[in-house]
């Protein structure tokens, strides 16, 4: 089953970032650096896993049409291209 987006990529990123910064970040950051966080931008539910797929699957198993945004905890991006460092500057 393919999930049909109900929001633009920018809207999903905006909602996901807001949820992460305002609510979820303090709950998951300690001890999870480098792990993936998936957030359903409609419900605010989230999952943390070592692989992005696994975090998303937790949400999709609960709600098959979840609108998911992901981030790598402690990084500014969930993925990288080339040899750049995506870790947040301390």
C-alpha atoms as a PDB file:
ATOM      1  CA  UNK A   1       0.000   0.000   0.000  1.00  0.00           C
ATOM      2  CA  UNK A   2       1.341   3.419  -0.952  1.00  0.00           C
ATOM      3  CA  UNK A   3       0.626   6.246   1.469  1.00  0.00           C
ATOM      4  CA  UNK A   4      -0.858   9.285  -0.257  1.00  0.00           C
ATOM      5  CA  UNK A   5       0.522  12.558   1.107  1.00  0.00           C
ATOM      6  CA  UNK A   6      -2.039  15.045   2.387  1.00  0.00           C
ATOM      7  CA  UNK A   7       0.525  17.820   2.796  1.00  0.00           C
ATOM      8  CA  UNK A   8       3.347  19.225   0.732  1.00  0.00           C
ATOM      9  CA  UNK A   9       6.914  18.245   1.605  1.00  0.00           C
ATOM     10  CA  UNK A  10       7.415  21.708   3.110  1.00  0.00           C
ATOM     11  CA  UNK A  11       4.288  21.397   5.277  1.00  0.00           C
ATOM     12  CA  UNK A  12       5.342  17.971   6.569  1.00  0.00           C
ATOM     13  CA  UNK A  13       8.822  19.284   7.394  1.00  0.00           C
ATOM     14  CA  UNK A  14       7.394  22.355   9.125  1.00  0.00           C
ATOM     15  CA  UNK A  15       4.949  20.320  11.225  1.00  0.00           C
ATOM     16  CA  UNK A  16       7.552  17.666  12.043  1.00  0.00           C
ATOM     17  CA  UNK A  17      10.176  20.215  13.049  1.00  0.00           C
ATOM     18  CA  UNK A  18       7.715  22.066  15.278  1.00  0.00           C
ATOM     19  CA  UNK A  19       6.602  18.863  17.034  1.00  0.00           C
ATOM     20  CA  UNK A  20      10.197  17.748  17.505  1.00  0.00           C
ATOM     21  CA  UNK A  21      11.480  21.040  18.880  1.00  0.00           C
ATOM     22  CA  UNK A  22       8.496  21.876  21.115  1.00  0.00           C
ATOM     23  CA  UNK A  23       7.542  18.474  22.498  1.00  0.00           C
ATOM     24  CA  UNK A  24       9.558  15.414  21.523  1.00  0.00           C
ATOM     25  CA  UNK A  25      13.213  16.472  21.555  1.00  0.00           C
ATOM     26  CA  UNK A  26      13.603  16.662  25.361  1.00  0.00           C
ATOM     27  CA  UNK A  27      12.028  13.208  25.677  1.00  0.00           C
ATOM     28  CA  UNK A  28      14.259  11.355  23.206  1.00  0.00           C
ATOM     29  CA  UNK A  29      17.567  13.154  22.796  1.00  0.00           C
ATOM     30  CA  UNK A  30      19.472  11.734  25.780  1.00  0.00           C
ATOM     31  CA  UNK A  31      20.954   8.372  24.884  1.00  0.00           C
ATOM     32  CA  UNK A  32      19.554   8.233  21.348  1.00  0.00           C
ATOM     33  CA  UNK A  33      22.088  10.253  19.307  1.00  0.00           C
ATOM     34  CA  UNK A  34      22.385   8.767  15.836  1.00  0.00           C
ATOM     35  CA  UNK A  35      19.109   6.824  16.023  1.00  0.00           C
ATOM     36  CA  UNK A  36      16.149   7.660  13.796  1.00  0.00           C
ATOM     37  CA  UNK A  37      12.974   9.367  14.955  1.00  0.00           C
ATOM     38  CA  UNK A  38       9.768   9.119  12.925  1.00  0.00           C
ATOM     39  CA  UNK A  39       6.855  11.440  13.729  1.00  0.00           C
ATOM     40  CA  UNK A  40       3.279  11.232  12.469  1.00  0.00           C
ATOM     41  CA  UNK A  41       2.746  14.955  11.861  1.00  0.00           C
ATOM     42  CA  UNK A  42      -1.026  14.624  12.291  1.00  0.00           C
ATOM     43  CA  UNK A  43      -1.225  12.723  15.587  1.00  0.00           C
ATOM     44  CA  UNK A  44       2.134  13.642  17.124  1.00  0.00           C
ATOM     45  CA  UNK A  45       2.918   9.971  17.768  1.00  0.00           C
ATOM     46  CA  UNK A  46       6.548   9.043  17.314  1.00  0.00           C
ATOM     47  CA  UNK A  47       8.921   6.074  17.268  1.00  0.00           C
ATOM     48  CA  UNK A  48      12.688   5.735  17.709  1.00  0.00           C
ATOM     49  CA  UNK A  49      14.751   2.979  16.080  1.00  0.00           C
ATOM     50  CA  UNK A  50      18.243   2.240  14.806  1.00  0.00           C
ATOM     51  CA  UNK A  51      16.998   2.201  11.195  1.00  0.00           C
ATOM     52  CA  UNK A  52      14.677   4.743   9.581  1.00  0.00           C
ATOM     53  CA  UNK A  53      12.512   1.993   8.084  1.00  0.00           C
ATOM     54  CA  UNK A  54      11.931   0.416  11.506  1.00  0.00           C
ATOM     55  CA  UNK A  55      10.879   3.726  13.090  1.00  0.00           C
ATOM     56  CA  UNK A  56       8.438   4.415  10.237  1.00  0.00           C
ATOM     57  CA  UNK A  57       7.061   0.863  10.337  1.00  0.00           C
ATOM     58  CA  UNK A  58       6.039   1.280  13.984  1.00  0.00           C
ATOM     59  CA  UNK A  59       3.862   4.259  13.019  1.00  0.00           C
ATOM     60  CA  UNK A  60       2.520   2.669   9.840  1.00  0.00           C
ATOM     61  CA  UNK A  61       1.515  -0.456  11.768  1.00  0.00           C
ATOM     62  CA  UNK A  62      -0.631   1.760  14.022  1.00  0.00           C
ATOM     63  CA  UNK A  63      -2.041   3.920  11.228  1.00  0.00           C
ATOM     64  CA  UNK A  64      -1.525   2.807   7.638  1.00  0.00           C
ATOM     65  CA  UNK A  65      -1.803   6.333   6.207  1.00  0.00           C
ATOM     66  CA  UNK A  66       0.398   8.113   8.771  1.00  0.00           C
ATOM     67  CA  UNK A  67       2.015  11.296   7.460  1.00  0.00           C
ATOM     68  CA  UNK A  68       5.607  10.712   8.547  1.00  0.00           C
ATOM     69  CA  UNK A  69       8.578  13.042   8.967  1.00  0.00           C
ATOM     70  CA  UNK A  70      11.954  11.647  10.052  1.00  0.00           C
ATOM     71  CA  UNK A  71      15.127  12.985  11.573  1.00  0.00           C
ATOM     72  CA  UNK A  72      18.311  11.457  12.882  1.00  0.00           C
ATOM     73  CA  UNK A  73      18.553  12.426  16.548  1.00  0.00           C
ATOM     74  CA  UNK A  74      21.450  14.785  17.206  1.00  0.00           C
ATOM     75  CA  UNK A  75      21.899  15.509  13.494  1.00  0.00           C
ATOM     76  CA  UNK A  76      20.585  18.257  11.238  1.00  0.00           C
ATOM     77  CA  UNK A  77      19.532  15.743   8.573  1.00  0.00           C
ATOM     78  CA  UNK A  78      18.302  12.150   8.425  1.00  0.00           C
ATOM     79  CA  UNK A  79      20.681  11.289   5.577  1.00  0.00           C
ATOM     80  CA  UNK A  80      23.855  12.583   3.991  1.00  0.00           C
ATOM     81  CA  UNK A  81      25.479  12.588   0.599  1.00  0.00           C
ATOM     82  CA  UNK A  82      29.238  12.402   0.280  1.00  0.00           C
ATOM     83  CA  UNK A  83      31.517  12.970   3.226  1.00  0.00           C
ATOM     84  CA  UNK A  84      29.743  15.809   5.029  1.00  0.00           C
ATOM     85  CA  UNK A  85      29.082  15.672   8.773  1.00  0.00           C
ATOM     86  CA  UNK A  86      25.381  16.031   9.670  1.00  0.00           C
ATOM     87  CA  UNK A  87      25.844  16.176  13.450  1.00  0.00           C
ATOM     88  CA  UNK A  88      24.517  19.260  15.184  1.00  0.00           C
ATOM     89  CA  UNK A  89      27.130  21.755  16.276  1.00  0.00           C
ATOM     90  CA  UNK A  90      27.417  21.919  20.050  1.00  0.00           C
END
